[in-house]
Amino acid sequence: MDSEDDEDDKDRGPAGPAGTAPGSAGAADAAVDPKVAAAVAAAEAAAPASGETVRIDSWIWAVRLVKTRSVGATACRGGHVRVNGERVKPAHSVRVGDEVRLRHEGRERVVVVKRLIRKRVGAPVAAQCYVDNSPPPPPREAVAPIGVRDRGAGRPTKRDRRELERLRDLERLRDAGGLGGRPREH
């Protein structure tokens, strides 16, 4: 019987059961959440091979700064994307360490590239691919929509439309400095 126990010890090796020593990398991997491990594996699979580059429109889409790649390409063509201070075309190659500035949806995003990826990944993994140096978004109260109607109020009448246009014109004049103070209420 001793020879059978010796053979079992040879199969297990010096590391113990299942070939992992306590405290080794294998034991640490078992403690990691499988969802996080799968997400990290997906990000590594999405990385380009060494020496390959990633297009800027593809990268800003992959890290979820824009919803679609075509929106990213349109933003580049419109001059809303800058890499290291220069306007770039959609095919511009991005490298680790580049500063990317993107004006999108009324907000400017400033990010520094940490990792290059080509495929779109989940938000937690995408956030690990850049350092976000963006200014905080404006408070929601400051971005109140103009002319919001109550639900069920129906289509505005001609009188309502004229009042809205008059208010918008007054706001434009006030913003331009043409009117002093607040508009009078009737």
C-alpha atoms as a PDB file:
ATOM      1  CA  MET A   1       0.000   0.000   0.000  1.00  0.00           C
ATOM      2  CA  ASP A   2       2.846   2.363   0.578  1.00  0.00           C
ATOM      3  CA  SER A   3       3.741   2.188  -3.109  1.00  0.00           C
ATOM      4  CA  GLU A   4       0.236   3.389  -4.066  1.00  0.00           C
ATOM      5  CA  ASP A   5       0.521   6.361  -1.728  1.00  0.00           C
ATOM      6  CA  ASP A   6       3.918   7.207  -3.224  1.00  0.00           C
ATOM      7  CA  GLU A   7       2.442   7.148  -6.742  1.00  0.00           C
ATOM      8  CA  ASP A   8      -0.366   9.495  -5.647  1.00  0.00           C
ATOM      9  CA  ASP A   9       2.243  11.872  -4.211  1.00  0.00           C
ATOM     10  CA  LYS A  10       4.127  11.800  -7.536  1.00  0.00           C
ATOM     11  CA  ASP A  11       0.926  12.700  -9.425  1.00  0.00           C
ATOM     12  CA  ARG A  12       0.212  15.616  -7.124  1.00  0.00           C
ATOM     13  CA  GLY A  13       3.813  16.777  -7.083  1.00  0.00           C
ATOM     14  CA  PRO A  14       5.333  18.974  -4.386  1.00  0.00           C
ATOM     15  CA  ALA A  15       2.753  21.695  -4.881  1.00  0.00           C
ATOM     16  CA  GLY A  16      -0.061  19.776  -3.240  1.00  0.00           C
ATOM     17  CA  PRO A  17      -3.499  18.826  -4.569  1.00  0.00           C
ATOM     18  CA  ALA A  18      -4.378  19.850  -8.122  1.00  0.00           C
ATOM     19  CA  GLY A  19      -0.829  21.079  -8.744  1.00  0.00           C
ATOM     20  CA  THR A  20      -1.256  24.457  -7.022  1.00  0.00           C
ATOM     21  CA  ALA A  21       0.670  25.585  -4.032  1.00  0.00           C
ATOM     22  CA  PRO A  22      -1.135  27.734  -1.504  1.00  0.00           C
ATOM     23  CA  GLY A  23      -0.359  31.343  -2.280  1.00  0.00           C
ATOM     24  CA  SER A  24       0.597  30.660  -5.909  1.00  0.00           C
ATOM     25  CA  ALA A  25      -0.938  32.370  -8.931  1.00  0.00           C
ATOM     26  CA  GLY A  26      -3.308  29.442  -9.474  1.00  0.00           C
ATOM     27  CA  ALA A  27      -4.800  29.890  -6.010  1.00  0.00           C
ATOM     28  CA  ALA A  28      -5.158  33.631  -6.600  1.00  0.00           C
ATOM     29  CA  ASP A  29      -6.962  33.058  -9.912  1.00  0.00           C
ATOM     30  CA  ALA A  30      -9.493  30.838  -8.166  1.00  0.00           C
ATOM     31  CA  ALA A  31     -10.370  33.706  -5.781  1.00  0.00           C
ATOM     32  CA  VAL A  32     -10.996  36.203  -8.633  1.00  0.00           C
ATOM     33  CA  ASP A  33     -14.576  36.720  -9.763  1.00  0.00           C
ATOM     34  CA  PRO A  34     -15.093  34.742 -12.994  1.00  0.00           C
ATOM     35  CA  LYS A  35     -16.930  37.665 -14.620  1.00  0.00           C
ATOM     36  CA  VAL A  36     -13.987  40.001 -14.009  1.00  0.00           C
ATOM     37  CA  ALA A  37     -11.533  37.389 -15.270  1.00  0.00           C
ATOM     38  CA  ALA A  38     -13.584  36.897 -18.436  1.00  0.00           C
ATOM     39  CA  ALA A  39     -13.775  40.661 -18.994  1.00  0.00           C
ATOM     40  CA  VAL A  40     -10.019  41.064 -18.601  1.00  0.00           C
ATOM     41  CA  ALA A  41      -9.445  38.155 -20.992  1.00  0.00           C
ATOM     42  CA  ALA A  42     -11.772  39.825 -23.502  1.00  0.00           C
ATOM     43  CA  ALA A  43      -9.822  43.080 -23.232  1.00  0.00           C
ATOM     44  CA  GLU A  44      -6.533  41.281 -23.776  1.00  0.00           C
ATOM     45  CA  ALA A  45      -8.008  39.494 -26.779  1.00  0.00           C
ATOM     46  CA  ALA A  46      -9.171  42.867 -28.131  1.00  0.00           C
ATOM     47  CA  ALA A  47      -5.654  44.285 -27.953  1.00  0.00           C
ATOM     48  CA  PRO A  48      -3.746  44.569 -31.224  1.00  0.00           C
ATOM     49  CA  ALA A  49      -0.674  42.433 -31.813  1.00  0.00           C
ATOM     50  CA  SER A  50       2.669  44.025 -31.050  1.00  0.00           C
ATOM     51  CA  GLY A  51       3.625  46.575 -33.660  1.00  0.00           C
ATOM     52  CA  GLU A  52       0.047  47.027 -34.897  1.00  0.00           C
ATOM     53  CA  THR A  53      -1.807  50.295 -34.450  1.00  0.00           C
ATOM     54  CA  VAL A  54      -5.404  51.239 -33.679  1.00  0.00           C
ATOM     55  CA  ARG A  55      -7.440  53.891 -35.490  1.00  0.00           C
ATOM     56  CA  ILE A  56      -8.691  56.751 -33.313  1.00  0.00           C
ATOM     57  CA  ASP A  57     -12.322  56.337 -34.400  1.00  0.00           C
ATOM     58  CA  SER A  58     -12.162  52.638 -33.537  1.00  0.00           C
ATOM     59  CA  TRP A  59     -10.495  53.272 -30.165  1.00  0.00           C
ATOM     60  CA  ILE A  60     -12.960  55.916 -28.946  1.00  0.00           C
ATOM     61  CA  TRP A  61     -15.783  53.535 -29.895  1.00  0.00           C
ATOM     62  CA  ALA A  62     -14.106  50.534 -28.207  1.00  0.00           C
ATOM     63  CA  VAL A  63     -13.666  52.397 -24.896  1.00  0.00           C
ATOM     64  CA  ARG A  64     -17.276  53.610 -25.028  1.00  0.00           C
ATOM     65  CA  LEU A  65     -16.685  57.344 -25.463  1.00  0.00           C
ATOM     66  CA  VAL A  66     -19.103  57.279 -28.440  1.00  0.00           C
ATOM     67  CA  LYS A  67     -21.988  54.934 -29.221  1.00  0.00           C
ATOM     68  CA  THR A  68     -20.969  53.852 -32.720  1.00  0.00           C
ATOM     69  CA  ARG A  69     -17.790  53.854 -34.748  1.00  0.00           C
ATOM     70  CA  SER A  70     -19.444  55.955 -37.438  1.00  0.00           C
ATOM     71  CA  VAL A  71     -20.250  58.626 -34.820  1.00  0.00           C
ATOM     72  CA  GLY A  72     -16.562  58.558 -33.868  1.00  0.00           C
ATOM     73  CA  ALA A  73     -15.503  58.956 -37.501  1.00  0.00           C
ATOM     74  CA  THR A  74     -17.962  61.825 -37.987  1.00  0.00           C
ATOM     75  CA  ALA A  75     -16.625  63.540 -34.857  1.00  0.00           C
ATOM     76  CA  CYS A  76     -13.077  63.232 -36.226  1.00  0.00           C
ATOM     77  CA  ARG A  77     -14.075  64.656 -39.613  1.00  0.00           C
ATOM     78  CA  GLY A  78     -15.886  67.527 -37.893  1.00  0.00           C
ATOM     79  CA  GLY A  79     -12.819  68.503 -35.872  1.00  0.00           C
ATOM     80  CA  HIS A  80     -14.254  67.390 -32.527  1.00  0.00           C
ATOM     81  CA  VAL A  81     -11.417  64.938 -31.782  1.00  0.00           C
ATOM     82  CA  ARG A  82      -7.892  66.088 -30.967  1.00  0.00           C
ATOM     83  CA  VAL A  83      -4.910  63.880 -30.192  1.00  0.00           C
ATOM     84  CA  ASN A  84      -2.095  65.654 -28.359  1.00  0.00           C
ATOM     85  CA  GLY A  85      -3.667  69.007 -29.276  1.00  0.00           C
ATOM     86  CA  GLU A  86      -3.976  68.386 -33.032  1.00  0.00           C
ATOM     87  CA  ARG A  87      -7.153  67.750 -35.027  1.00  0.00           C
ATOM     88  CA  VAL A  88      -7.051  64.255 -36.480  1.00  0.00           C
ATOM     89  CA  LYS A  89      -8.722  62.236 -39.210  1.00  0.00           C
ATOM     90  CA  PRO A  90     -10.560  58.984 -38.378  1.00  0.00           C
ATOM     91  CA  ALA A  91      -7.636  56.834 -39.587  1.00  0.00           C
ATOM     92  CA  HIS A  92      -5.078  58.493 -37.279  1.00  0.00           C
ATOM     93  CA  SER A  93      -3.118  55.929 -35.259  1.00  0.00           C
ATOM     94  CA  VAL A  94      -3.357  56.260 -31.504  1.00  0.00           C
ATOM     95  CA  ARG A  95      -0.567  55.169 -29.117  1.00  0.00           C
ATOM     96  CA  VAL A  96      -0.317  54.547 -25.391  1.00  0.00           C
ATOM     97  CA  GLY A  97       0.250  57.849 -23.579  1.00  0.00           C
ATOM     98  CA  ASP A  98      -1.604  60.019 -26.116  1.00  0.00           C
ATOM     99  CA  GLU A  99      -4.033  62.634 -24.799  1.00  0.00           C
ATOM    100  CA  VAL A 100      -7.396  62.433 -26.582  1.00  0.00           C
ATOM    101  CA  ARG A 101      -9.881  65.331 -26.379  1.00  0.00           C
ATOM    102  CA  LEU A 102     -13.408  64.650 -27.611  1.00  0.00           C
ATOM    103  CA  ARG A 103     -16.263  67.159 -27.757  1.00  0.00           C
ATOM    104  CA  HIS A 104     -19.470  65.122 -27.805  1.00  0.00           C
ATOM    105  CA  GLU A 105     -23.045  65.757 -26.649  1.00  0.00           C
ATOM    106  CA  GLY A 106     -22.262  69.202 -25.244  1.00  0.00           C
ATOM    107  CA  ARG A 107     -19.383  67.954 -23.098  1.00  0.00           C
ATOM    108  CA  GLU A 108     -15.634  67.749 -23.518  1.00  0.00           C
ATOM    109  CA  ARG A 109     -13.921  64.500 -22.544  1.00  0.00           C
ATOM    110  CA  VAL A 110     -10.166  64.493 -21.902  1.00  0.00           C
ATOM    111  CA  VAL A 111      -8.590  61.049 -21.607  1.00  0.00           C
ATOM    112  CA  VAL A 112      -5.068  59.635 -21.670  1.00  0.00           C
ATOM    113  CA  VAL A 113      -4.640  56.294 -23.439  1.00  0.00           C
ATOM    114  CA  LYS A 114      -3.465  53.492 -21.121  1.00  0.00           C
ATOM    115  CA  ARG A 115      -4.244  50.439 -23.261  1.00  0.00           C
ATOM    116  CA  LEU A 116      -4.988  49.926 -26.945  1.00  0.00           C
ATOM    117  CA  ILE A 117      -8.010  47.829 -27.827  1.00  0.00           C
ATOM    118  CA  ARG A 118      -9.899  47.316 -31.088  1.00  0.00           C
ATOM    119  CA  LYS A 119     -13.056  45.510 -30.015  1.00  0.00           C
ATOM    120  CA  ARG A 120     -15.753  47.039 -27.844  1.00  0.00           C
ATOM    121  CA  VAL A 121     -15.682  45.676 -24.299  1.00  0.00           C
ATOM    122  CA  GLY A 122     -17.797  46.152 -21.187  1.00  0.00           C
ATOM    123  CA  ALA A 123     -17.795  49.470 -19.373  1.00  0.00           C
ATOM    124  CA  PRO A 124     -15.701  48.353 -16.345  1.00  0.00           C
ATOM    125  CA  VAL A 125     -12.961  46.996 -18.618  1.00  0.00           C
ATOM    126  CA  ALA A 126     -13.179  49.972 -20.990  1.00  0.00           C
ATOM    127  CA  ALA A 127     -12.611  52.342 -18.069  1.00  0.00           C
ATOM    128  CA  GLN A 128      -9.287  50.583 -17.394  1.00  0.00           C
ATOM    129  CA  CYS A 129      -8.060  51.485 -20.892  1.00  0.00           C
ATOM    130  CA  TYR A 130      -7.780  55.219 -20.203  1.00  0.00           C
ATOM    131  CA  VAL A 131      -7.244  57.813 -17.490  1.00  0.00           C
ATOM    132  CA  ASP A 132     -10.164  60.242 -17.406  1.00  0.00           C
ATOM    133  CA  ASN A 133      -9.056  63.858 -16.887  1.00  0.00           C
ATOM    134  CA  SER A 134     -12.392  65.347 -17.990  1.00  0.00           C
ATOM    135  CA  PRO A 135     -13.948  68.261 -16.160  1.00  0.00           C
ATOM    136  CA  PRO A 136     -17.062  67.265 -14.224  1.00  0.00           C
ATOM    137  CA  PRO A 137     -20.310  67.391 -16.201  1.00  0.00           C
ATOM    138  CA  PRO A 138     -22.567  70.390 -15.608  1.00  0.00           C
ATOM    139  CA  PRO A 139     -25.351  69.874 -13.077  1.00  0.00           C
ATOM    140  CA  ARG A 140     -28.666  68.727 -14.517  1.00  0.00           C
ATOM    141  CA  GLU A 141     -30.456  71.860 -13.327  1.00  0.00           C
ATOM    142  CA  ALA A 142     -28.153  74.007 -15.481  1.00  0.00           C
ATOM    143  CA  VAL A 143     -29.106  72.013 -18.598  1.00  0.00           C
ATOM    144  CA  ALA A 144     -32.875  72.385 -18.241  1.00  0.00           C
ATOM    145  CA  PRO A 145     -34.670  71.955 -21.558  1.00  0.00           C
ATOM    146  CA  ILE A 146     -36.451  75.002 -22.962  1.00  0.00           C
ATOM    147  CA  GLY A 147     -40.104  74.792 -23.853  1.00  0.00           C
ATOM    148  CA  VAL A 148     -41.007  71.486 -22.229  1.00  0.00           C
ATOM    149  CA  ARG A 149     -44.730  70.911 -22.327  1.00  0.00           C
ATOM    150  CA  ASP A 150     -46.774  68.958 -19.837  1.00  0.00           C
ATOM    151  CA  ARG A 151     -47.582  65.418 -20.812  1.00  0.00           C
ATOM    152  CA  GLY A 152     -50.946  65.213 -22.501  1.00  0.00           C
ATOM    153  CA  ALA A 153     -51.064  68.936 -23.253  1.00  0.00           C
ATOM    154  CA  GLY A 154     -51.137  68.174 -26.956  1.00  0.00           C
ATOM    155  CA  ARG A 155     -49.712  70.144 -29.784  1.00  0.00           C
ATOM    156  CA  PRO A 156     -48.901  73.812 -29.107  1.00  0.00           C
ATOM    157  CA  THR A 157     -51.346  76.342 -30.487  1.00  0.00           C
ATOM    158  CA  LYS A 158     -50.257  79.191 -32.724  1.00  0.00           C
ATOM    159  CA  ARG A 159     -50.385  81.497 -29.703  1.00  0.00           C
ATOM    160  CA  ASP A 160     -48.189  79.104 -27.632  1.00  0.00           C
ATOM    161  CA  ARG A 161     -45.675  78.875 -30.478  1.00  0.00           C
ATOM    162  CA  ARG A 162     -45.438  82.656 -30.794  1.00  0.00           C
ATOM    163  CA  GLU A 163     -44.871  83.032 -27.055  1.00  0.00           C
ATOM    164  CA  LEU A 164     -42.094  80.428 -27.141  1.00  0.00           C
ATOM    165  CA  GLU A 165     -40.412  82.181 -30.060  1.00  0.00           C
ATOM    166  CA  ARG A 166     -40.648  85.520 -28.237  1.00  0.00           C
ATOM    167  CA  LEU A 167     -39.048  84.005 -25.125  1.00  0.00           C
ATOM    168  CA  ARG A 168     -36.244  82.440 -27.160  1.00  0.00           C
ATOM    169  CA  ASP A 169     -35.543  85.766 -28.869  1.00  0.00           C
ATOM    170  CA  LEU A 170     -35.411  87.519 -25.485  1.00  0.00           C
ATOM    171  CA  GLU A 171     -32.974  84.906 -24.165  1.00  0.00           C
ATOM    172  CA  ARG A 172     -30.749  85.324 -27.231  1.00  0.00           C
ATOM    173  CA  LEU A 173     -30.702  89.101 -26.758  1.00  0.00           C
ATOM    174  CA  ARG A 174     -29.940  88.769 -23.042  1.00  0.00           C
ATOM    175  CA  ASP A 175     -27.115  86.264 -23.713  1.00  0.00           C
ATOM    176  CA  ALA A 176     -25.686  88.563 -26.385  1.00  0.00           C
ATOM    177  CA  GLY A 177     -25.735  91.476 -23.940  1.00  0.00           C
ATOM    178  CA  GLY A 178     -28.432  93.383 -25.802  1.00  0.00           C
ATOM    179  CA  LEU A 179     -30.817  93.502 -22.837  1.00  0.00           C
ATOM    180  CA  GLY A 180     -29.908  94.736 -19.409  1.00  0.00           C
ATOM    181  CA  GLY A 181     -31.351  92.760 -16.544  1.00  0.00           C
ATOM    182  CA  ARG A 182     -34.219  90.333 -16.694  1.00  0.00           C
ATOM    183  CA  PRO A 183     -37.095  90.462 -19.193  1.00  0.00           C
ATOM    184  CA  ARG A 184     -40.272  91.998 -17.844  1.00  0.00           C
ATOM    185  CA  GLU A 185     -43.193  89.730 -17.053  1.00  0.00           C
ATOM    186  CA  HIS A 186     -46.635  90.722 -18.291  1.00  0.00           C
END
